[in-house]
C-alpha atoms as a PDB file:
ATOM      1  CA  MET A   1      -5.997  -8.496   5.662  1.00  0.00           C
ATOM      2  CA  GLU A   2      -3.623  -7.277   2.959  1.00  0.00           C
ATOM      3  CA  LEU A   3      -0.894  -6.192   5.444  1.00  0.00           C
ATOM      4  CA  GLY A   4      -0.965  -9.649   6.950  1.00  0.00           C
ATOM      5  CA  GLU A   5      -0.282 -11.157   3.504  1.00  0.00           C
ATOM      6  CA  PHE A   6       2.643  -8.800   2.949  1.00  0.00           C
ATOM      7  CA  THR A   7       3.932  -9.673   6.357  1.00  0.00           C
ATOM      8  CA  LYS A   8       3.622 -13.371   5.757  1.00  0.00           C
ATOM      9  CA  HIS A   9       5.462 -13.158   2.430  1.00  0.00           C
ATOM     10  CA  TYR A  10       7.987 -10.519   3.472  1.00  0.00           C
ATOM     11  CA  ASN A  11      10.986 -12.789   2.902  1.00  0.00           C
ATOM     12  CA  GLU A  12       9.906 -13.287  -0.698  1.00  0.00           C
ATOM     13  CA  PHE A  13       9.839  -9.539  -1.227  1.00  0.00           C
ATOM     14  CA  GLN A  14      13.262  -9.193   0.427  1.00  0.00           C
ATOM     15  CA  ALA A  15      14.626 -11.942  -1.851  1.00  0.00           C
ATOM     16  CA  ALA A  16      13.372  -9.900  -4.801  1.00  0.00           C
ATOM     17  CA  ASN A  17      15.329  -6.889  -3.444  1.00  0.00           C
ATOM     18  CA  THR A  18      12.059  -5.034  -2.702  1.00  0.00           C
ATOM     19  CA  GLU A  19      11.226  -2.841   0.281  1.00  0.00           C
ATOM     20  CA  ILE A  20       7.620  -2.570   1.423  1.00  0.00           C
ATOM     21  CA  VAL A  21       6.253   0.666   2.948  1.00  0.00           C
ATOM     22  CA  ALA A  22       2.572   0.721   3.903  1.00  0.00           C
ATOM     23  CA  ILE A  23       0.839   4.093   3.832  1.00  0.00           C
ATOM     24  CA  SER A  24      -2.480   4.574   5.587  1.00  0.00           C
ATOM     25  CA  THR A  25      -4.829   7.483   5.638  1.00  0.00           C
ATOM     26  CA  ASP A  26      -5.398   6.769   9.334  1.00  0.00           C
ATOM     27  CA  PRO A  27      -3.954   9.167  11.901  1.00  0.00           C
ATOM     28  CA  LEU A  28      -0.408   8.451  13.165  1.00  0.00           C
ATOM     29  CA  GLU A  29      -1.453   6.678  16.352  1.00  0.00           C
ATOM     30  CA  GLU A  30      -3.809   4.366  14.507  1.00  0.00           C
ATOM     31  CA  ALA A  31      -1.092   3.574  11.903  1.00  0.00           C
ATOM     32  CA  ARG A  32       1.224   2.691  14.783  1.00  0.00           C
ATOM     33  CA  TRP A  33      -1.450   0.539  16.360  1.00  0.00           C
ATOM     34  CA  ILE A  34      -2.002  -1.296  13.026  1.00  0.00           C
ATOM     35  CA  LYS A  35       1.718  -1.987  12.719  1.00  0.00           C
ATOM     36  CA  ARG A  36       1.803  -3.429  16.307  1.00  0.00           C
ATOM     37  CA  LYS A  37      -1.375  -5.438  15.837  1.00  0.00           C
ATOM     38  CA  VAL A  38      -0.311  -6.989  12.494  1.00  0.00           C
ATOM     39  CA  GLY A  39       3.386  -7.196  13.475  1.00  0.00           C
ATOM     40  CA  THR A  40       4.679  -5.915  10.127  1.00  0.00           C
ATOM     41  CA  PRO A  41       8.484  -5.979   9.725  1.00  0.00           C
ATOM     42  CA  PHE A  42       8.081  -2.876   7.451  1.00  0.00           C
ATOM     43  CA  PRO A  43       6.929   0.609   8.269  1.00  0.00           C
ATOM     44  CA  VAL A  44       3.297   1.663   8.324  1.00  0.00           C
ATOM     45  CA  LEU A  45       3.188   5.395   7.773  1.00  0.00           C
ATOM     46  CA  SER A  46       0.334   7.841   8.221  1.00  0.00           C
ATOM     47  CA  ASP A  47      -0.954  10.064   5.373  1.00  0.00           C
ATOM     48  CA  ALA A  48      -3.901  11.517   7.256  1.00  0.00           C
ATOM     49  CA  LYS A  49      -3.710  14.674   5.095  1.00  0.00           C
ATOM     50  CA  ARG A  50      -3.717  12.467   1.933  1.00  0.00           C
ATOM     51  CA  ALA A  51      -0.688  14.197   0.396  1.00  0.00           C
ATOM     52  CA  VAL A  52       0.768  10.924  -0.880  1.00  0.00           C
ATOM     53  CA  MET A  53      -2.410   9.829  -2.662  1.00  0.00           C
ATOM     54  CA  ASP A  54      -2.424  13.224  -4.386  1.00  0.00           C
ATOM     55  CA  LEU A  55       1.257  12.884  -5.379  1.00  0.00           C
ATOM     56  CA  TYR A  56       0.755   9.427  -6.870  1.00  0.00           C
ATOM     57  CA  GLY A  57      -2.716  10.043  -8.304  1.00  0.00           C
ATOM     58  CA  THR A  58      -4.336   7.212  -6.396  1.00  0.00           C
ATOM     59  CA  LYS A  59      -7.223   9.167  -4.905  1.00  0.00           C
ATOM     60  CA  PHE A  60     -10.652   7.815  -5.674  1.00  0.00           C
ATOM     61  CA  LEU A  61     -13.739   9.865  -4.971  1.00  0.00           C
ATOM     62  CA  THR A  62     -16.469   7.289  -4.595  1.00  0.00           C
ATOM     63  CA  SER A  63     -19.664   6.820  -2.683  1.00  0.00           C
ATOM     64  CA  TYR A  64     -17.847   4.610  -0.230  1.00  0.00           C
ATOM     65  CA  PRO A  65     -17.693   6.701   2.957  1.00  0.00           C
ATOM     66  CA  SER A  66     -14.285   7.416   4.507  1.00  0.00           C
ATOM     67  CA  PRO A  67     -14.415   7.105   8.337  1.00  0.00           C
ATOM     68  CA  ASP A  68     -13.172  10.689   8.746  1.00  0.00           C
ATOM     69  CA  GLY A  69     -15.168  12.123   5.848  1.00  0.00           C
ATOM     70  CA  GLY A  70     -12.091  12.824   3.713  1.00  0.00           C
ATOM     71  CA  PRO A  71     -11.431  11.475   0.246  1.00  0.00           C
ATOM     72  CA  TYR A  72     -11.316   7.672   0.210  1.00  0.00           C
ATOM     73  CA  ASN A  73      -8.142   6.066  -1.127  1.00  0.00           C
ATOM     74  CA  HIS A  74      -8.672   2.563  -2.441  1.00  0.00           C
ATOM     75  CA  ALA A  75      -5.837   0.258  -1.739  1.00  0.00           C
ATOM     76  CA  ALA A  76      -3.091   0.781  -4.250  1.00  0.00           C
ATOM     77  CA  LEU A  77       0.248  -0.867  -4.830  1.00  0.00           C
ATOM     78  CA  ILE A  78       2.943   1.389  -6.290  1.00  0.00           C
ATOM     79  CA  LEU A  79       6.272  -0.027  -7.374  1.00  0.00           C
ATOM     80  CA  VAL A  80       9.017   2.567  -7.305  1.00  0.00           C
ATOM     81  CA  ASP A  81      12.499   1.577  -8.474  1.00  0.00           C
ATOM     82  CA  LYS A  82      15.700   2.425  -6.661  1.00  0.00           C
ATOM     83  CA  ASN A  83      16.027   5.636  -8.709  1.00  0.00           C
ATOM     84  CA  GLY A  84      12.585   6.827  -7.576  1.00  0.00           C
ATOM     85  CA  VAL A  85      10.891   6.106 -10.883  1.00  0.00           C
ATOM     86  CA  VAL A  86       7.286   4.794 -10.612  1.00  0.00           C
ATOM     87  CA  ARG A  87       7.294   1.546 -12.575  1.00  0.00           C
ATOM     88  CA  TRP A  88       3.832   0.147 -11.885  1.00  0.00           C
ATOM     89  CA  ILE A  89       0.625   1.190 -10.054  1.00  0.00           C
ATOM     90  CA  TYR A  90      -2.139  -1.259  -9.220  1.00  0.00           C
ATOM     91  CA  ARG A  91      -5.504  -0.028  -8.108  1.00  0.00           C
ATOM     92  CA  ASN A  92      -9.058  -1.212  -8.672  1.00  0.00           C
ATOM     93  CA  ALA A  93     -12.223   0.796  -8.711  1.00  0.00           C
ATOM     94  CA  ASP A  94     -13.770  -1.844  -6.427  1.00  0.00           C
ATOM     95  CA  TYR A  95     -12.074  -1.436  -3.041  1.00  0.00           C
ATOM     96  CA  ARG A  96     -12.813  -5.098  -2.234  1.00  0.00           C
ATOM     97  CA  ILE A  97     -10.563  -6.364  -5.025  1.00  0.00           C
ATOM     98  CA  ARG A  98      -6.841  -6.468  -4.293  1.00  0.00           C
ATOM     99  CA  ALA A  99      -3.939  -7.783  -6.250  1.00  0.00           C
ATOM    100  CA  SER A 100      -2.643 -11.030  -4.835  1.00  0.00           C
ATOM    101  CA  VAL A 101       0.888 -11.337  -3.410  1.00  0.00           C
ATOM    102  CA  ALA A 102       1.700 -13.697  -6.302  1.00  0.00           C
ATOM    103  CA  ASP A 103       0.645 -10.980  -8.773  1.00  0.00           C
ATOM    104  CA  ASP A 104       2.661  -8.382  -6.901  1.00  0.00           C
ATOM    105  CA  LEU A 105       5.790 -10.539  -6.970  1.00  0.00           C
ATOM    106  CA  ALA A 106       5.330 -11.362 -10.661  1.00  0.00           C
ATOM    107  CA  HIS A 107       5.288  -7.629 -11.517  1.00  0.00           C
ATOM    108  CA  ILE A 108       8.369  -7.055  -9.418  1.00  0.00           C
ATOM    109  CA  ARG A 109      10.221  -9.835 -11.212  1.00  0.00           C
ATOM    110  CA  GLU A 110       9.135  -8.500 -14.628  1.00  0.00           C
ATOM    111  CA  LEU A 111      10.797  -5.152 -13.831  1.00  0.00           C
ATOM    112  CA  LYS A 112      14.170  -6.716 -13.223  1.00  0.00           C
END
């Protein structure tokens, strides 16, 4: 599970002066349940209306069915600097392929 990897390596992200915010298209109660289950030290927010995916352009309309019938958002990693500027977006057309934590940290270090 990707959140578990971010949780396991959270100290490395903190050392790179990076905050993690997970955003899920699940309803609020499910996002809260996920946070408790995984035990993330960072927030897990709900974007059930998919406003964030629209703002960042990460929406993918695919044949993969979303559990609630809405647009499916493939996992994306968005690096936003302290000034609010989007510096890097990772997404893959195949929802099963995720960037590794090592790749994520490498991109963070490149931006410094």
